[in-house]
Amino acid sequence: MRKRHAYAAIAALAALQATAAQADAAWPKAHPITMVLPAGAGGSSDPLTRYVSEEIGKRIGQSFIVQNRPGAGGNVGMVYGAKARPDGYTLTISWTGPMATNLALYKEVGFSPQKDFAPVGMIGCTPNVLAVDKSSPPSSLQEFNRLAKEKPEKFSYGTTGVGSSWHIAAEMLNRDLGDRLVHVPYQSPGAALTDMKGRRLDAIFPVIPMTVPHARAGEMKVLAVFSKERSSVLPEVPTTVEQGFPDLLSDTCFALLAPAGTPAPIVDQLNKALNQVLSDQASRTRIEDMGIQIRSGPPSQLQAYLDTEIPRQARLVRAMGVSPE
C-alpha cells in the first residue's frame, strides 16, 4: 500500500514537472499578453504600467495590451486578474491600496492578494506629499500646521477616496493637528487637483508621480514629502522627518502579479524580465523621473511585503476610525 502511494506521489510530481516544462517551452505564444490595471487611464499608475509592460515585452519578445479596469478602489480589476486563466497571458500591475488597504476597507473584496495571486515582483514605491496652491500662504509643514490650528474654520483637503493613500497620509497629519482637517473625497485625482488650484480646497496629499508636472510648472507648492529621504525629482522639498515629524510616513508601492497557479517557470521568466527592466539604466532613469523609487527583487520579496503591509494597513485604517463598507 505504501509503495503504491509512493509511486502515485512520484508520478504526480513528474506530471507536474512535465506540465511546468511544457508551459515554459510553449510560453509566450504569438498572441498578446493582457496587463490588467485596476485603475482608470490618466492616473499615476497608468504611465508606469504602460512603460513597464512595453519594456517587459521587448525582453520576452511579446506584445502587451494594457487593460484599464477601474472600480471599487481597484477591487474590480483585481477580481478580474485573480480569476484569469493562470497561463501567463493575463497579468496585473497593482499598488498598495488594492493589495493591502482595501482588505480593511471593504467587508468583501472578492479576492485574496496572498492566495489568489502568484507574486512576480516589486516595481517601486513613491511617497505622498503635502501640496497647496501656489498662492496659498504656508511655505512649510510647520507653517501649514500653525495656520490650520489658528484658522477659525477647519482646513479642507481632497483625496481620491476613503482609505486611499492620500486619505491615510492626511489623517496621519490630522491626528497631530487635533482633528483640524476636513476630508473631501473625489472620484478622480484631477478633480481634487482642480479644486485645490482654485482654492476651494486648502490642500491635497497626492503621490509624487502626479505632483511633479504641476510642481515644476509652478502651479502648486509642495510643503513636505512623507518619507525619510528626499525625492530625487523634488530635491528641494524637505521630508516630514526633517521637519520634525518622524512618524509621518506614507507611500504607495507598485508590483506585478500573476493569477495563482501560474507555472513557476513562467513566473520566473517574468520576474527575470522585470528585473532586467528595473536594472537597465535608461529604464531606471525613466521610472525614477516619475518619482518612483525602484525596488527590484525576487517574488519572495513581494510576498514578504504583502505579509507585513496588509496588517500594517489594517492598523492604519482602524486608527482612522473607518468601518468596512
C-alpha atoms as a PDB file:
ATOM      1  CA  MET A   1       0.000   0.000   0.000  1.00  0.00           C
ATOM      2  CA  ARG A   2       2.770   2.425   0.968  1.00  0.00           C
ATOM      3  CA  LYS A   3       4.666   1.622  -2.236  1.00  0.00           C
ATOM      4  CA  ARG A   4       1.549   2.308  -4.261  1.00  0.00           C
ATOM      5  CA  HIS A   5       1.151   5.713  -2.567  1.00  0.00           C
ATOM      6  CA  ALA A   6       4.840   6.456  -3.113  1.00  0.00           C
ATOM      7  CA  TYR A   7       4.603   5.584  -6.803  1.00  0.00           C
ATOM      8  CA  ALA A   8       1.494   7.744  -7.137  1.00  0.00           C
ATOM      9  CA  ALA A   9       3.237  10.679  -5.485  1.00  0.00           C
ATOM     10  CA  ILE A  10       6.276  10.276  -7.756  1.00  0.00           C
ATOM     11  CA  ALA A  11       4.024  10.087 -10.816  1.00  0.00           C
ATOM     12  CA  ALA A  12       2.112  13.198  -9.746  1.00  0.00           C
ATOM     13  CA  LEU A  13       5.349  15.105  -9.201  1.00  0.00           C
ATOM     14  CA  ALA A  14       6.662  14.009 -12.579  1.00  0.00           C
ATOM     15  CA  ALA A  15       3.430  15.099 -14.250  1.00  0.00           C
ATOM     16  CA  LEU A  16       3.633  18.478 -12.527  1.00  0.00           C
ATOM     17  CA  GLN A  17       7.233  18.958 -13.622  1.00  0.00           C
ATOM     18  CA  ALA A  18       6.349  17.941 -17.171  1.00  0.00           C
ATOM     19  CA  THR A  19       3.459  20.417 -17.240  1.00  0.00           C
ATOM     20  CA  ALA A  20       5.714  23.183 -15.972  1.00  0.00           C
ATOM     21  CA  ALA A  21       8.354  22.312 -18.560  1.00  0.00           C
ATOM     22  CA  GLN A  22       5.744  22.340 -21.313  1.00  0.00           C
ATOM     23  CA  ALA A  23       4.442  25.716 -20.129  1.00  0.00           C
ATOM     24  CA  ASP A  24       7.987  27.024 -20.043  1.00  0.00           C
ATOM     25  CA  ALA A  25       8.676  25.831 -23.587  1.00  0.00           C
ATOM     26  CA  ALA A  26       5.362  26.997 -25.054  1.00  0.00           C
ATOM     27  CA  TRP A  27       5.178  30.417 -23.416  1.00  0.00           C
ATOM     28  CA  PRO A  28       4.826  33.022 -24.696  1.00  0.00           C
ATOM     29  CA  LYS A  29       2.965  32.145 -27.872  1.00  0.00           C
ATOM     30  CA  ALA A  30       2.350  34.606 -30.668  1.00  0.00           C
ATOM     31  CA  HIS A  31      -0.605  36.436 -29.175  1.00  0.00           C
ATOM     32  CA  PRO A  32      -0.645  39.485 -26.874  1.00  0.00           C
ATOM     33  CA  ILE A  33      -0.418  39.373 -23.111  1.00  0.00           C
ATOM     34  CA  THR A  34      -3.057  41.382 -21.252  1.00  0.00           C
ATOM     35  CA  MET A  35      -1.800  43.621 -18.466  1.00  0.00           C
ATOM     36  CA  VAL A  36      -4.685  44.488 -16.150  1.00  0.00           C
ATOM     37  CA  LEU A  37      -4.509  47.846 -14.372  1.00  0.00           C
ATOM     38  CA  PRO A  38      -7.210  48.210 -11.671  1.00  0.00           C
ATOM     39  CA  ALA A  39      -7.417  51.967 -12.306  1.00  0.00           C
ATOM     40  CA  GLY A  40      -8.597  54.355 -14.976  1.00  0.00           C
ATOM     41  CA  ALA A  41      -6.409  55.892 -17.650  1.00  0.00           C
ATOM     42  CA  GLY A  42      -4.560  59.063 -16.742  1.00  0.00           C
ATOM     43  CA  GLY A  43      -3.739  58.281 -13.113  1.00  0.00           C
ATOM     44  CA  SER A  44      -0.246  57.996 -11.642  1.00  0.00           C
ATOM     45  CA  SER A  45      -0.164  54.221 -12.185  1.00  0.00           C
ATOM     46  CA  ASP A  46      -1.103  54.384 -15.877  1.00  0.00           C
ATOM     47  CA  PRO A  47       2.180  55.637 -17.411  1.00  0.00           C
ATOM     48  CA  LEU A  48       4.191  53.291 -15.193  1.00  0.00           C
ATOM     49  CA  THR A  49       2.079  50.296 -16.232  1.00  0.00           C
ATOM     50  CA  ARG A  50       2.331  51.092 -19.936  1.00  0.00           C
ATOM     51  CA  TYR A  51       6.074  51.655 -19.787  1.00  0.00           C
ATOM     52  CA  VAL A  52       6.859  48.526 -17.754  1.00  0.00           C
ATOM     53  CA  SER A  53       4.596  46.413 -19.983  1.00  0.00           C
ATOM     54  CA  GLU A  54       6.313  47.626 -23.124  1.00  0.00           C
ATOM     55  CA  GLU A  55       9.786  47.023 -21.726  1.00  0.00           C
ATOM     56  CA  ILE A  56       8.981  43.527 -20.447  1.00  0.00           C
ATOM     57  CA  GLY A  57       7.505  42.775 -23.869  1.00  0.00           C
ATOM     58  CA  LYS A  58      10.782  43.697 -25.554  1.00  0.00           C
ATOM     59  CA  ARG A  59      12.665  41.257 -23.354  1.00  0.00           C
ATOM     60  CA  ILE A  60      10.365  38.289 -23.836  1.00  0.00           C
ATOM     61  CA  GLY A  61       9.569  39.008 -27.478  1.00  0.00           C
ATOM     62  CA  GLN A  62       5.878  39.584 -26.891  1.00  0.00           C
ATOM     63  CA  SER A  63       3.369  42.422 -27.190  1.00  0.00           C
ATOM     64  CA  PHE A  64       1.252  43.656 -24.289  1.00  0.00           C
ATOM     65  CA  ILE A  65      -2.212  45.187 -24.185  1.00  0.00           C
ATOM     66  CA  VAL A  66      -2.900  47.338 -21.120  1.00  0.00           C
ATOM     67  CA  GLN A  67      -6.498  46.959 -19.976  1.00  0.00           C
ATOM     68  CA  ASN A  68      -7.769  49.590 -17.531  1.00  0.00           C
ATOM     69  CA  ARG A  69     -10.382  48.092 -15.187  1.00  0.00           C
ATOM     70  CA  PRO A  70     -11.233  50.687 -12.519  1.00  0.00           C
ATOM     71  CA  GLY A  71     -13.914  50.420  -9.882  1.00  0.00           C
ATOM     72  CA  ALA A  72     -14.385  49.897  -6.129  1.00  0.00           C
ATOM     73  CA  GLY A  73     -10.958  51.280  -5.288  1.00  0.00           C
ATOM     74  CA  GLY A  74      -9.254  48.772  -7.571  1.00  0.00           C
ATOM     75  CA  ASN A  75     -11.227  45.708  -6.470  1.00  0.00           C
ATOM     76  CA  VAL A  76     -12.922  45.263  -9.852  1.00  0.00           C
ATOM     77  CA  GLY A  77      -9.633  44.931 -11.711  1.00  0.00           C
ATOM     78  CA  MET A  78      -8.111  42.735  -9.033  1.00  0.00           C
ATOM     79  CA  VAL A  79     -11.011  40.277  -9.195  1.00  0.00           C
ATOM     80  CA  TYR A  80     -10.651  40.116 -12.968  1.00  0.00           C
ATOM     81  CA  GLY A  81      -6.915  39.482 -12.707  1.00  0.00           C
ATOM     82  CA  ALA A  82      -7.327  36.873  -9.968  1.00  0.00           C
ATOM     83  CA  LYS A  83      -9.914  34.891 -11.934  1.00  0.00           C
ATOM     84  CA  ALA A  84      -7.986  34.908 -15.221  1.00  0.00           C
ATOM     85  CA  ARG A  85      -6.541  31.648 -16.548  1.00  0.00           C
ATOM     86  CA  PRO A  86      -3.143  31.015 -14.904  1.00  0.00           C
ATOM     87  CA  ASP A  87      -1.362  30.604 -18.229  1.00  0.00           C
ATOM     88  CA  GLY A  88       0.853  33.687 -18.266  1.00  0.00           C
ATOM     89  CA  TYR A  89      -1.322  35.636 -20.698  1.00  0.00           C
ATOM     90  CA  THR A  90      -3.120  37.796 -18.128  1.00  0.00           C
ATOM     91  CA  LEU A  91      -1.077  39.734 -15.578  1.00  0.00           C
ATOM     92  CA  THR A  92      -1.871  42.548 -13.170  1.00  0.00           C
ATOM     93  CA  ILE A  93       0.049  45.607 -12.050  1.00  0.00           C
ATOM     94  CA  SER A  94      -1.366  46.823  -8.755  1.00  0.00           C
ATOM     95  CA  TRP A  95      -0.442  49.003  -5.813  1.00  0.00           C
ATOM     96  CA  THR A  96      -0.752  49.176  -2.030  1.00  0.00           C
ATOM     97  CA  GLY A  97      -4.440  50.160  -1.984  1.00  0.00           C
ATOM     98  CA  PRO A  98      -5.922  47.115  -3.749  1.00  0.00           C
ATOM     99  CA  MET A  99      -3.198  44.768  -2.499  1.00  0.00           C
ATOM    100  CA  ALA A 100      -3.446  45.703   1.175  1.00  0.00           C
ATOM    101  CA  THR A 101      -5.580  48.673   2.292  1.00  0.00           C
ATOM    102  CA  ASN A 102      -8.817  47.510   0.679  1.00  0.00           C
ATOM    103  CA  LEU A 103      -8.897  44.380   2.816  1.00  0.00           C
ATOM    104  CA  ALA A 104      -9.580  46.618   5.820  1.00  0.00           C
ATOM    105  CA  LEU A 105     -11.923  48.995   3.965  1.00  0.00           C
ATOM    106  CA  TYR A 106     -14.348  46.504   2.437  1.00  0.00           C
ATOM    107  CA  LYS A 107     -16.210  43.646   4.071  1.00  0.00           C
ATOM    108  CA  GLU A 108     -15.728  41.623   0.900  1.00  0.00           C
ATOM    109  CA  VAL A 109     -13.228  42.456  -1.841  1.00  0.00           C
ATOM    110  CA  GLY A 110     -13.770  39.294  -3.863  1.00  0.00           C
ATOM    111  CA  PHE A 111     -10.140  38.156  -3.889  1.00  0.00           C
ATOM    112  CA  SER A 112      -7.175  37.387  -1.649  1.00  0.00           C
ATOM    113  CA  PRO A 113      -3.907  39.109  -2.611  1.00  0.00           C
ATOM    114  CA  GLN A 114      -1.951  36.282  -0.958  1.00  0.00           C
ATOM    115  CA  LYS A 115      -3.997  33.270  -2.111  1.00  0.00           C
ATOM    116  CA  ASP A 116      -5.415  34.276  -5.494  1.00  0.00           C
ATOM    117  CA  PHE A 117      -2.240  35.739  -6.967  1.00  0.00           C
ATOM    118  CA  ALA A 118       1.279  34.492  -7.593  1.00  0.00           C
ATOM    119  CA  PRO A 119       3.745  37.265  -6.721  1.00  0.00           C
ATOM    120  CA  VAL A 120       6.028  38.122  -9.646  1.00  0.00           C
ATOM    121  CA  GLY A 121       7.963  41.063  -8.256  1.00  0.00           C
ATOM    122  CA  MET A 122       8.066  44.530  -6.754  1.00  0.00           C
ATOM    123  CA  ILE A 123       8.461  47.514  -9.078  1.00  0.00           C
ATOM    124  CA  GLY A 124       8.904  50.500  -6.807  1.00  0.00           C
ATOM    125  CA  CYS A 125       7.415  52.870  -4.240  1.00  0.00           C
ATOM    126  CA  THR A 126       6.522  56.550  -4.172  1.00  0.00           C
ATOM    127  CA  PRO A 127       5.738  58.723  -1.132  1.00  0.00           C
ATOM    128  CA  ASN A 128       2.816  61.042  -0.597  1.00  0.00           C
ATOM    129  CA  VAL A 129       3.317  64.782  -0.313  1.00  0.00           C
ATOM    130  CA  LEU A 130       1.523  67.736   1.203  1.00  0.00           C
ATOM    131  CA  ALA A 131       0.690  70.202  -1.577  1.00  0.00           C
ATOM    132  CA  VAL A 132      -1.118  73.548  -1.615  1.00  0.00           C
ATOM    133  CA  ASP A 133      -1.958  76.101  -4.267  1.00  0.00           C
ATOM    134  CA  LYS A 134       0.907  78.303  -5.471  1.00  0.00           C
ATOM    135  CA  SER A 135      -0.739  81.377  -3.874  1.00  0.00           C
ATOM    136  CA  SER A 136      -1.502  79.674  -0.568  1.00  0.00           C
ATOM    137  CA  PRO A 137       0.274  81.317   2.426  1.00  0.00           C
ATOM    138  CA  PRO A 138       2.207  78.419   4.027  1.00  0.00           C
ATOM    139  CA  SER A 139       5.665  77.567   2.721  1.00  0.00           C
ATOM    140  CA  SER A 140       6.492  74.711   5.107  1.00  0.00           C
ATOM    141  CA  LEU A 141       4.800  71.914   7.018  1.00  0.00           C
ATOM    142  CA  GLN A 142       5.229  73.856  10.261  1.00  0.00           C
ATOM    143  CA  GLU A 143       3.504  76.931   8.799  1.00  0.00           C
ATOM    144  CA  PHE A 144       0.688  74.799   7.405  1.00  0.00           C
ATOM    145  CA  ASN A 145       0.146  73.273  10.848  1.00  0.00           C
ATOM    146  CA  ARG A 146       0.186  76.682  12.551  1.00  0.00           C
ATOM    147  CA  LEU A 147      -2.349  78.156  10.122  1.00  0.00           C
ATOM    148  CA  ALA A 148      -4.570  75.081  10.401  1.00  0.00           C
ATOM    149  CA  LYS A 149      -4.680  75.468  14.177  1.00  0.00           C
ATOM    150  CA  GLU A 150      -5.243  79.255  14.065  1.00  0.00           C
ATOM    151  CA  LYS A 151      -7.939  79.315  11.364  1.00  0.00           C
ATOM    152  CA  PRO A 152     -11.439  79.554  12.907  1.00  0.00           C
ATOM    153  CA  GLU A 153     -12.904  77.030  10.482  1.00  0.00           C
ATOM    154  CA  LYS A 154     -11.208  73.758   9.646  1.00  0.00           C
ATOM    155  CA  PHE A 155      -8.868  73.328   6.685  1.00  0.00           C
ATOM    156  CA  SER A 156     -10.247  71.168   3.884  1.00  0.00           C
ATOM    157  CA  TYR A 157      -8.306  68.561   1.980  1.00  0.00           C
ATOM    158  CA  GLY A 158      -9.199  66.490  -1.081  1.00  0.00           C
ATOM    159  CA  THR A 159      -8.475  62.829  -1.726  1.00  0.00           C
ATOM    160  CA  THR A 160      -9.207  60.097  -4.230  1.00  0.00           C
ATOM    161  CA  GLY A 161     -11.473  58.383  -1.711  1.00  0.00           C
ATOM    162  CA  VAL A 162     -11.748  56.892   1.759  1.00  0.00           C
ATOM    163  CA  GLY A 163      -8.740  54.711   2.550  1.00  0.00           C
ATOM    164  CA  SER A 164      -6.640  55.962  -0.353  1.00  0.00           C
ATOM    165  CA  SER A 165      -3.004  56.779   0.328  1.00  0.00           C
ATOM    166  CA  TRP A 166      -3.982  60.465   0.072  1.00  0.00           C
ATOM    167  CA  HIS A 167      -6.541  59.936   2.843  1.00  0.00           C
ATOM    168  CA  ILE A 168      -4.233  57.933   5.093  1.00  0.00           C
ATOM    169  CA  ALA A 169      -1.404  60.480   4.778  1.00  0.00           C
ATOM    170  CA  ALA A 170      -3.778  63.344   5.573  1.00  0.00           C
ATOM    171  CA  GLU A 171      -5.303  61.619   8.582  1.00  0.00           C
ATOM    172  CA  MET A 172      -1.860  60.881   9.987  1.00  0.00           C
ATOM    173  CA  LEU A 173      -1.249  64.640   9.971  1.00  0.00           C
ATOM    174  CA  ASN A 174      -4.786  65.328  11.178  1.00  0.00           C
ATOM    175  CA  ARG A 175      -4.134  63.403  14.389  1.00  0.00           C
ATOM    176  CA  ASP A 176      -1.196  65.708  15.149  1.00  0.00           C
ATOM    177  CA  LEU A 177      -3.369  68.729  14.389  1.00  0.00           C
ATOM    178  CA  GLY A 178      -6.114  67.704  16.780  1.00  0.00           C
ATOM    179  CA  ASP A 179      -8.646  66.967  14.022  1.00  0.00           C
ATOM    180  CA  ARG A 180      -8.372  70.368  12.296  1.00  0.00           C
ATOM    181  CA  LEU A 181      -8.727  68.962   8.759  1.00  0.00           C
ATOM    182  CA  VAL A 182     -11.959  68.137   6.903  1.00  0.00           C
ATOM    183  CA  HIS A 183     -11.949  65.318   4.349  1.00  0.00           C
ATOM    184  CA  VAL A 184     -13.486  65.938   0.901  1.00  0.00           C
ATOM    185  CA  PRO A 185     -13.385  62.746  -1.235  1.00  0.00           C
ATOM    186  CA  TYR A 186     -13.313  62.961  -5.043  1.00  0.00           C
ATOM    187  CA  GLN A 187     -13.885  60.377  -7.753  1.00  0.00           C
ATOM    188  CA  SER A 188     -10.756  61.409  -9.651  1.00  0.00           C
ATOM    189  CA  PRO A 189      -7.405  62.940  -8.703  1.00  0.00           C
ATOM    190  CA  GLY A 190      -7.798  65.575 -11.414  1.00  0.00           C
ATOM    191  CA  ALA A 191     -10.968  66.950  -9.828  1.00  0.00           C
ATOM    192  CA  ALA A 192      -9.261  67.325  -6.451  1.00  0.00           C
ATOM    193  CA  LEU A 193      -6.272  68.992  -8.107  1.00  0.00           C
ATOM    194  CA  THR A 194      -8.538  71.460  -9.944  1.00  0.00           C
ATOM    195  CA  ASP A 195     -10.322  72.461  -6.738  1.00  0.00           C
ATOM    196  CA  MET A 196      -7.023  72.847  -4.901  1.00  0.00           C
ATOM    197  CA  LYS A 197      -5.749  75.169  -7.643  1.00  0.00           C
ATOM    198  CA  GLY A 198      -8.999  77.136  -7.389  1.00  0.00           C
ATOM    199  CA  ARG A 199      -8.506  77.484  -3.602  1.00  0.00           C
ATOM    200  CA  ARG A 200     -11.737  75.549  -2.994  1.00  0.00           C
ATOM    201  CA  LEU A 201      -9.523  73.121  -1.076  1.00  0.00           C
ATOM    202  CA  ASP A 202      -6.739  74.030   1.310  1.00  0.00           C
ATOM    203  CA  ALA A 203      -4.538  71.039   0.494  1.00  0.00           C
ATOM    204  CA  ILE A 204      -4.119  67.694  -1.213  1.00  0.00           C
ATOM    205  CA  PHE A 205      -1.846  64.743  -0.377  1.00  0.00           C
ATOM    206  CA  PRO A 206      -1.011  63.100  -3.735  1.00  0.00           C
ATOM    207  CA  VAL A 207       1.823  60.733  -4.586  1.00  0.00           C
ATOM    208  CA  ILE A 208       4.857  62.165  -6.349  1.00  0.00           C
ATOM    209  CA  PRO A 209       4.177  60.998  -9.955  1.00  0.00           C
ATOM    210  CA  MET A 210       1.071  63.179 -10.098  1.00  0.00           C
ATOM    211  CA  THR A 211       2.764  66.024  -8.257  1.00  0.00           C
ATOM    212  CA  VAL A 212       5.920  66.561 -10.296  1.00  0.00           C
ATOM    213  CA  PRO A 213       4.486  68.097 -13.506  1.00  0.00           C
ATOM    214  CA  HIS A 214       2.391  70.637 -11.593  1.00  0.00           C
ATOM    215  CA  ALA A 215       5.165  71.492  -9.150  1.00  0.00           C
ATOM    216  CA  ARG A 216       7.654  72.033 -11.982  1.00  0.00           C
ATOM    217  CA  ALA A 217       5.107  74.205 -13.806  1.00  0.00           C
ATOM    218  CA  GLY A 218       4.778  76.370 -10.703  1.00  0.00           C
ATOM    219  CA  GLU A 219       1.099  75.503 -10.267  1.00  0.00           C
ATOM    220  CA  MET A 220       1.441  74.241  -6.698  1.00  0.00           C
ATOM    221  CA  LYS A 221       3.705  74.396  -3.686  1.00  0.00           C
ATOM    222  CA  VAL A 222       4.885  71.123  -2.196  1.00  0.00           C
ATOM    223  CA  LEU A 223       5.477  71.576   1.525  1.00  0.00           C
ATOM    224  CA  ALA A 224       6.662  68.129   2.585  1.00  0.00           C
ATOM    225  CA  VAL A 225       7.480  64.644   1.321  1.00  0.00           C
ATOM    226  CA  PHE A 226       6.155  61.873   3.597  1.00  0.00           C
ATOM    227  CA  SER A 227       9.440  59.973   3.612  1.00  0.00           C
ATOM    228  CA  LYS A 228      12.739  59.571   5.430  1.00  0.00           C
ATOM    229  CA  GLU A 229      14.695  60.631   2.356  1.00  0.00           C
ATOM    230  CA  ARG A 230      14.172  63.466  -0.105  1.00  0.00           C
ATOM    231  CA  SER A 231      12.811  62.677  -3.533  1.00  0.00           C
ATOM    232  CA  SER A 232      15.301  62.799  -6.406  1.00  0.00           C
ATOM    233  CA  VAL A 233      12.701  64.573  -8.568  1.00  0.00           C
ATOM    234  CA  LEU A 234      11.735  67.090  -5.873  1.00  0.00           C
ATOM    235  CA  PRO A 235      15.097  67.512  -4.113  1.00  0.00           C
ATOM    236  CA  GLU A 236      14.236  70.985  -2.871  1.00  0.00           C
ATOM    237  CA  VAL A 237      11.298  69.743  -0.785  1.00  0.00           C
ATOM    238  CA  PRO A 238      12.164  68.717   2.800  1.00  0.00           C
ATOM    239  CA  THR A 239      10.811  65.486   4.225  1.00  0.00           C
ATOM    240  CA  THR A 240       8.401  65.184   7.107  1.00  0.00           C
ATOM    241  CA  VAL A 241      11.234  63.683   9.147  1.00  0.00           C
ATOM    242  CA  GLU A 242      13.450  66.720   8.507  1.00  0.00           C
ATOM    243  CA  GLN A 243      10.629  68.976   9.643  1.00  0.00           C
ATOM    244  CA  GLY A 244      10.230  67.230  12.974  1.00  0.00           C
ATOM    245  CA  PHE A 245       7.616  64.561  12.220  1.00  0.00           C
ATOM    246  CA  PRO A 246       9.494  61.206  12.242  1.00  0.00           C
ATOM    247  CA  ASP A 247       6.320  59.096  12.260  1.00  0.00           C
ATOM    248  CA  LEU A 248       4.617  60.949   9.405  1.00  0.00           C
ATOM    249  CA  LEU A 249       5.476  58.450   6.653  1.00  0.00           C
ATOM    250  CA  SER A 250       3.218  57.282   3.834  1.00  0.00           C
ATOM    251  CA  ASP A 251       3.862  55.746   0.432  1.00  0.00           C
ATOM    252  CA  THR A 252       2.374  53.610  -2.320  1.00  0.00           C
ATOM    253  CA  CYS A 253       4.196  50.597  -3.750  1.00  0.00           C
ATOM    254  CA  PHE A 254       3.607  49.016  -7.168  1.00  0.00           C
ATOM    255  CA  ALA A 255       4.008  45.339  -8.034  1.00  0.00           C
ATOM    256  CA  LEU A 256       3.481  42.766 -10.777  1.00  0.00           C
ATOM    257  CA  LEU A 257       1.146  39.827 -10.096  1.00  0.00           C
ATOM    258  CA  ALA A 258       0.005  36.716 -11.951  1.00  0.00           C
ATOM    259  CA  PRO A 259      -3.025  34.527 -11.182  1.00  0.00           C
ATOM    260  CA  ALA A 260      -2.381  31.832  -8.590  1.00  0.00           C
ATOM    261  CA  GLY A 261      -1.407  28.590 -10.247  1.00  0.00           C
ATOM    262  CA  THR A 262       0.655  30.209 -12.985  1.00  0.00           C
ATOM    263  CA  PRO A 263       3.501  27.743 -13.695  1.00  0.00           C
ATOM    264  CA  ALA A 264       6.695  28.576 -11.799  1.00  0.00           C
ATOM    265  CA  PRO A 265       8.836  28.700 -14.993  1.00  0.00           C
ATOM    266  CA  ILE A 266       6.590  31.455 -16.374  1.00  0.00           C
ATOM    267  CA  VAL A 267       6.696  33.406 -13.103  1.00  0.00           C
ATOM    268  CA  ASP A 268      10.491  33.065 -13.104  1.00  0.00           C
ATOM    269  CA  GLN A 269      10.741  34.328 -16.693  1.00  0.00           C
ATOM    270  CA  LEU A 270       8.526  37.297 -15.879  1.00  0.00           C
ATOM    271  CA  ASN A 271      10.499  38.121 -12.748  1.00  0.00           C
ATOM    272  CA  LYS A 272      13.744  37.929 -14.705  1.00  0.00           C
ATOM    273  CA  ALA A 273      12.397  40.219 -17.429  1.00  0.00           C
ATOM    274  CA  LEU A 274      11.002  42.680 -14.865  1.00  0.00           C
ATOM    275  CA  ASN A 275      14.314  42.869 -13.014  1.00  0.00           C
ATOM    276  CA  GLN A 276      16.134  43.390 -16.302  1.00  0.00           C
ATOM    277  CA  VAL A 277      13.894  46.375 -16.944  1.00  0.00           C
ATOM    278  CA  LEU A 278      14.468  47.758 -13.452  1.00  0.00           C
ATOM    279  CA  SER A 279      18.255  47.341 -13.693  1.00  0.00           C
ATOM    280  CA  ASP A 280      18.557  48.941 -17.146  1.00  0.00           C
ATOM    281  CA  GLN A 281      19.913  52.458 -16.719  1.00  0.00           C
ATOM    282  CA  ALA A 282      17.594  54.083 -19.263  1.00  0.00           C
ATOM    283  CA  SER A 283      14.584  52.399 -17.692  1.00  0.00           C
ATOM    284  CA  ARG A 284      15.711  53.301 -14.163  1.00  0.00           C
ATOM    285  CA  THR A 285      16.005  56.936 -15.204  1.00  0.00           C
ATOM    286  CA  ARG A 286      12.577  56.885 -16.840  1.00  0.00           C
ATOM    287  CA  ILE A 287      10.873  55.307 -13.825  1.00  0.00           C
ATOM    288  CA  GLU A 288      12.723  57.412 -11.260  1.00  0.00           C
ATOM    289  CA  ASP A 289      11.774  60.540 -13.216  1.00  0.00           C
ATOM    290  CA  MET A 290       8.167  59.586 -12.470  1.00  0.00           C
ATOM    291  CA  GLY A 291       9.049  59.914  -8.783  1.00  0.00           C
ATOM    292  CA  ILE A 292       9.160  56.179  -8.125  1.00  0.00           C
ATOM    293  CA  GLN A 293      11.975  54.633  -6.102  1.00  0.00           C
ATOM    294  CA  ILE A 294      12.812  51.258  -7.668  1.00  0.00           C
ATOM    295  CA  ARG A 295      12.557  48.112  -5.528  1.00  0.00           C
ATOM    296  CA  SER A 296      13.516  45.147  -7.670  1.00  0.00           C
ATOM    297  CA  GLY A 297      13.896  41.634  -6.312  1.00  0.00           C
ATOM    298  CA  PRO A 298      12.586  38.040  -6.322  1.00  0.00           C
ATOM    299  CA  PRO A 299       8.923  37.041  -5.924  1.00  0.00           C
ATOM    300  CA  SER A 300       9.593  36.267  -2.258  1.00  0.00           C
ATOM    301  CA  GLN A 301      10.291  39.965  -1.647  1.00  0.00           C
ATOM    302  CA  LEU A 302       6.789  40.850  -2.850  1.00  0.00           C
ATOM    303  CA  GLN A 303       5.302  38.057  -0.753  1.00  0.00           C
ATOM    304  CA  ALA A 304       7.091  39.401   2.320  1.00  0.00           C
ATOM    305  CA  TYR A 305       5.831  42.906   1.537  1.00  0.00           C
ATOM    306  CA  LEU A 306       2.220  41.678   1.421  1.00  0.00           C
ATOM    307  CA  ASP A 307       2.658  39.692   4.639  1.00  0.00           C
ATOM    308  CA  THR A 308       3.730  42.842   6.518  1.00  0.00           C
ATOM    309  CA  GLU A 309       1.822  45.575   4.660  1.00  0.00           C
ATOM    310  CA  ILE A 310      -1.647  44.015   4.890  1.00  0.00           C
ATOM    311  CA  PRO A 311      -1.716  44.052   8.733  1.00  0.00           C
ATOM    312  CA  ARG A 312       0.004  47.475   8.790  1.00  0.00           C
ATOM    313  CA  GLN A 313      -2.671  48.991   6.567  1.00  0.00           C
ATOM    314  CA  ALA A 314      -5.360  47.391   8.719  1.00  0.00           C
ATOM    315  CA  ARG A 315      -3.922  49.141  11.772  1.00  0.00           C
ATOM    316  CA  LEU A 316      -3.868  52.493   9.943  1.00  0.00           C
ATOM    317  CA  VAL A 317      -7.466  52.110   8.804  1.00  0.00           C
ATOM    318  CA  ARG A 318      -8.602  51.213  12.326  1.00  0.00           C
ATOM    319  CA  ALA A 319      -6.764  54.254  13.714  1.00  0.00           C
ATOM    320  CA  MET A 320      -8.709  56.430  11.269  1.00  0.00           C
ATOM    321  CA  GLY A 321     -11.953  55.068  12.682  1.00  0.00           C
ATOM    322  CA  VAL A 322     -13.175  53.871   9.270  1.00  0.00           C
ATOM    323  CA  SER A 323     -15.659  50.983   9.301  1.00  0.00           C
ATOM    324  CA  PRO A 324     -15.557  48.438   6.459  1.00  0.00           C
ATOM    325  CA  GLU A 325     -18.201  49.037   3.796  1.00  0.00           C
END
